[in-house]
Amino acid sequence: MSRTPMPPHLAHKSTLAIVLTEKDSPKAYDLVQSVRQVHDKSYQRWPPHINLLYPFLAQPTTQMDTIVERVQAAIQDIPAFQATFPELHHFVHSKKSATLFLQPEPSSTAVQMQQLQAALQAAFPECNYDTRPFVPHMTLGQARGEDAVHNLAHDVNASIEASFGPERTIEWTVSRVVIMERKGNDDPFEIVGEVALKA
């Protein structure tokens, strides 16, 4: 059964997301990017990120004022929060394909991200093409199957422990939601707008 075609008001060239920048945490950013540069096929196109609504409205720069107003209304009572990522996890797509990612702490960070995503989803009901449950995660790379992704996780955990100590917890403060857009499918995403969470 083929998937329903994506409606024209949505595009894979735009997203509402959380991003990790060097300013947020130089240590976390450097580690994540050092892993992604080697293992993530999307390293050149995406910054370290967690998608909240993707695909998002097509050509957001043409309607930025309206989008920002809708995002502000949706998240005005949601405070900034400390995001902690104490462990790695992975998706297995097939026998020869798996994705390694940072998994947020399930009882705090993941819940806060789910609440943030739910508020945005309610504010943008037309962005409903992806009907899968929201699973907050930050992709680090891909591997050729389950055994390979376990080996990759072992190596990445060693790098995390070297930088962050035996607890291996990566953390930074999530203080904003960003709107990102790219011109073509192979072009890098750029931040074209942002809305701060409650201070």
Protein backbone atom coordinates (compact mmCIF):
# COMPACT_ATOMS: atom_id res chain seq x y z
CA MET A 1 0.00 0.00 0.00
CA SER A 2 1.54 3.31 -1.09
CA ARG A 3 1.72 6.29 1.22
CA THR A 4 -0.65 9.19 0.67
CA PRO A 5 1.09 11.98 -1.28
CA MET A 6 2.23 14.87 0.89
CA PRO A 7 -0.12 17.86 0.58
CA PRO A 8 1.36 20.89 -1.19
CA HIS A 9 1.24 23.14 1.86
CA LEU A 10 3.91 20.98 3.55
CA ALA A 11 7.55 20.38 2.62
CA HIS A 12 10.57 18.34 3.69
CA LYS A 13 12.54 21.55 3.13
CA SER A 14 11.33 23.08 6.41
CA THR A 15 11.03 22.07 10.05
CA LEU A 16 10.26 23.27 13.56
CA ALA A 17 13.04 21.94 15.74
CA ILE A 18 15.32 22.11 18.75
CA VAL A 19 18.94 22.67 17.74
CA LEU A 20 22.20 22.26 19.62
CA THR A 21 24.67 25.03 18.84
CA GLU A 22 28.21 25.67 20.01
CA LYS A 23 26.87 28.54 22.12
CA ASP A 24 24.47 26.20 23.98
CA SER A 25 27.30 23.91 25.09
CA PRO A 26 30.70 23.93 23.36
CA LYS A 27 31.60 20.57 24.87
CA ALA A 28 28.37 18.82 23.84
CA TYR A 29 28.39 20.43 20.40
CA ASP A 30 31.98 19.45 19.67
CA LEU A 31 31.39 15.86 20.71
CA VAL A 32 28.16 15.47 18.75
CA GLN A 33 29.64 17.04 15.64
CA SER A 34 32.82 14.96 15.82
CA VAL A 35 30.70 11.80 15.78
CA ARG A 36 28.30 13.06 13.12
CA GLN A 37 31.09 14.20 10.81
CA VAL A 38 32.28 10.61 10.51
CA HIS A 39 29.04 8.64 10.82
CA ASP A 40 26.03 10.79 9.85
CA LYS A 41 25.19 10.99 6.15
CA SER A 42 23.22 14.19 6.87
CA TYR A 43 26.10 16.01 8.58
CA GLN A 44 26.42 18.62 5.82
CA ARG A 45 22.68 19.23 5.50
CA TRP A 46 21.46 19.28 9.11
CA PRO A 47 22.82 20.85 12.31
CA PRO A 48 22.51 18.75 15.48
CA HIS A 49 18.76 18.83 15.99
CA ILE A 50 15.56 17.25 17.28
CA ASN A 51 12.65 17.67 14.90
CA LEU A 52 9.37 18.74 16.51
CA LEU A 53 7.25 19.20 13.37
CA TYR A 54 8.64 17.73 10.15
CA PRO A 55 7.66 18.10 7.39
CA PHE A 56 6.60 21.67 8.16
CA LEU A 57 4.87 24.46 6.24
CA ALA A 58 6.35 25.05 2.79
CA GLN A 59 8.39 28.23 2.29
CA PRO A 60 8.13 29.48 5.88
CA THR A 61 10.09 32.65 5.11
CA THR A 62 7.12 33.87 3.05
CA GLN A 63 4.84 33.68 6.11
CA MET A 64 7.31 34.15 8.95
CA ASP A 65 5.37 36.73 10.97
CA THR A 66 2.31 34.47 11.11
CA ILE A 67 4.36 31.37 11.96
CA VAL A 68 6.24 33.15 14.74
CA GLU A 69 2.98 34.44 16.22
CA ARG A 70 1.50 30.93 16.21
CA VAL A 71 4.60 29.42 17.80
CA GLN A 72 4.73 32.17 20.45
CA ALA A 73 1.09 31.60 21.37
CA ALA A 74 1.66 27.85 21.63
CA ILE A 75 4.75 27.91 23.83
CA GLN A 76 4.36 31.13 25.83
CA ASP A 77 3.85 29.24 29.10
CA ILE A 78 6.48 26.54 28.48
CA PRO A 79 9.71 27.30 30.36
CA ALA A 80 13.23 26.68 29.14
CA PHE A 81 14.58 23.41 30.51
CA GLN A 82 17.78 21.53 31.11
CA ALA A 83 17.96 18.68 28.61
CA THR A 84 19.92 15.60 29.65
CA PHE A 85 20.91 12.72 27.39
CA PRO A 86 22.33 9.94 29.57
CA GLU A 87 22.41 7.14 27.00
CA LEU A 88 22.52 6.08 23.39
CA HIS A 89 19.79 4.16 21.64
CA HIS A 90 19.10 3.04 18.10
CA PHE A 91 16.44 2.35 15.52
CA VAL A 92 16.80 -0.75 13.33
CA HIS A 93 15.30 -0.10 9.91
CA SER A 94 16.33 -3.36 8.22
CA LYS A 95 19.00 -6.05 8.40
CA LYS A 96 21.47 -3.64 6.83
CA SER A 97 20.32 -0.28 8.17
CA ALA A 98 20.25 1.24 11.66
CA THR A 99 20.42 4.71 13.19
CA LEU A 100 22.26 5.62 16.40
CA PHE A 101 20.93 8.52 18.44
CA LEU A 102 21.13 10.35 21.75
CA GLN A 103 18.08 9.47 23.83
CA PRO A 104 16.74 12.09 26.26
CA GLU A 105 16.27 11.16 29.90
CA PRO A 106 12.82 9.47 29.83
CA SER A 107 11.22 10.81 33.02
CA SER A 108 12.20 14.47 32.59
CA THR A 109 13.73 15.66 29.31
CA ALA A 110 11.69 13.34 27.08
CA VAL A 111 8.46 14.36 28.84
CA GLN A 112 9.29 18.06 28.47
CA MET A 113 10.05 17.59 24.77
CA GLN A 114 6.83 15.64 24.27
CA GLN A 115 4.85 18.44 25.95
CA LEU A 116 6.57 21.02 23.74
CA GLN A 117 5.89 19.00 20.60
CA ALA A 118 2.25 18.43 21.58
CA ALA A 119 1.71 22.17 22.07
CA LEU A 120 3.18 22.89 18.64
CA GLN A 121 1.23 20.08 17.01
CA ALA A 122 -1.99 21.52 18.43
CA ALA A 123 -1.04 24.96 17.11
CA PHE A 124 -0.28 23.60 13.64
CA PRO A 125 -2.90 20.87 13.06
CA GLU A 126 -2.29 21.08 9.32
CA CYS A 127 1.24 19.70 9.88
CA ASN A 128 -0.05 16.17 10.39
CA TYR A 129 1.52 14.24 7.52
CA ASP A 130 3.77 12.18 9.81
CA THR A 131 1.33 10.25 11.99
CA ARG A 132 3.94 8.20 13.87
CA PRO A 133 4.23 8.76 17.64
CA PHE A 134 6.74 11.48 18.49
CA VAL A 135 10.02 9.96 19.70
CA PRO A 136 12.46 12.73 20.63
CA HIS A 137 15.99 11.86 19.55
CA MET A 138 19.17 13.43 18.18
CA THR A 139 20.70 11.41 15.37
CA LEU A 140 24.42 10.71 15.61
CA GLY A 141 24.91 8.39 12.66
CA GLN A 142 23.98 5.36 10.65
CA ALA A 143 25.33 1.81 10.61
CA ARG A 144 24.86 -1.26 8.46
CA GLY A 145 22.57 -3.29 10.71
CA GLU A 146 22.17 -4.13 14.38
CA ASP A 147 25.62 -5.59 15.06
CA ALA A 148 27.27 -2.61 13.40
CA VAL A 149 25.20 -0.09 15.35
CA HIS A 150 26.14 -1.82 18.64
CA ASN A 151 29.81 -1.53 17.69
CA LEU A 152 29.32 2.12 16.82
CA ALA A 153 27.55 2.74 20.14
CA HIS A 154 30.48 1.17 22.00
CA ASP A 155 32.93 3.52 20.30
CA VAL A 156 30.74 6.59 20.81
CA ASN A 157 30.18 5.76 24.48
CA ALA A 158 33.96 5.65 24.92
CA SER A 159 34.22 9.13 23.39
CA ILE A 160 31.41 10.43 25.61
CA GLU A 161 33.04 8.98 28.73
CA ALA A 162 36.37 10.57 27.78
CA SER A 163 34.67 13.98 27.54
CA PHE A 164 31.97 13.79 30.21
CA GLY A 165 33.22 11.20 32.69
CA PRO A 166 31.77 7.82 33.69
CA GLU A 167 28.19 9.11 33.97
CA ARG A 168 28.31 9.84 30.21
CA THR A 169 25.52 12.43 30.42
CA ILE A 170 25.37 15.10 27.74
CA GLU A 171 23.31 18.14 28.70
CA TRP A 172 22.46 21.69 27.73
CA THR A 173 19.63 24.19 28.23
CA VAL A 174 16.85 24.15 25.64
CA SER A 175 15.75 27.78 25.46
CA ARG A 176 14.18 28.17 22.02
CA VAL A 177 12.36 26.59 19.11
CA VAL A 178 13.79 27.30 15.67
CA ILE A 179 12.29 27.39 12.20
CA MET A 180 14.69 25.95 9.62
CA GLU A 181 14.50 25.95 5.85
CA ARG A 182 16.61 24.75 2.94
CA LYS A 183 16.39 25.79 -0.69
CA GLY A 184 16.94 22.39 -2.31
CA ASN A 185 16.94 18.82 -1.03
CA ASP A 186 20.75 18.71 -0.99
CA ASP A 187 21.23 22.19 0.46
CA PRO A 188 21.96 22.75 4.16
CA PHE A 189 19.18 23.76 6.51
CA GLU A 190 19.45 27.30 7.83
CA ILE A 191 17.76 28.85 10.85
CA VAL A 192 15.34 31.43 9.46
CA GLY A 193 13.40 32.18 12.65
CA GLU A 194 13.28 31.38 16.34
CA VAL A 195 11.00 31.76 19.34
CA ALA A 196 12.28 31.74 22.92
CA LEU A 197 10.80 29.53 25.61
CA LYS A 198 9.69 31.22 28.82
CA ALA A 199 12.68 32.45 30.84
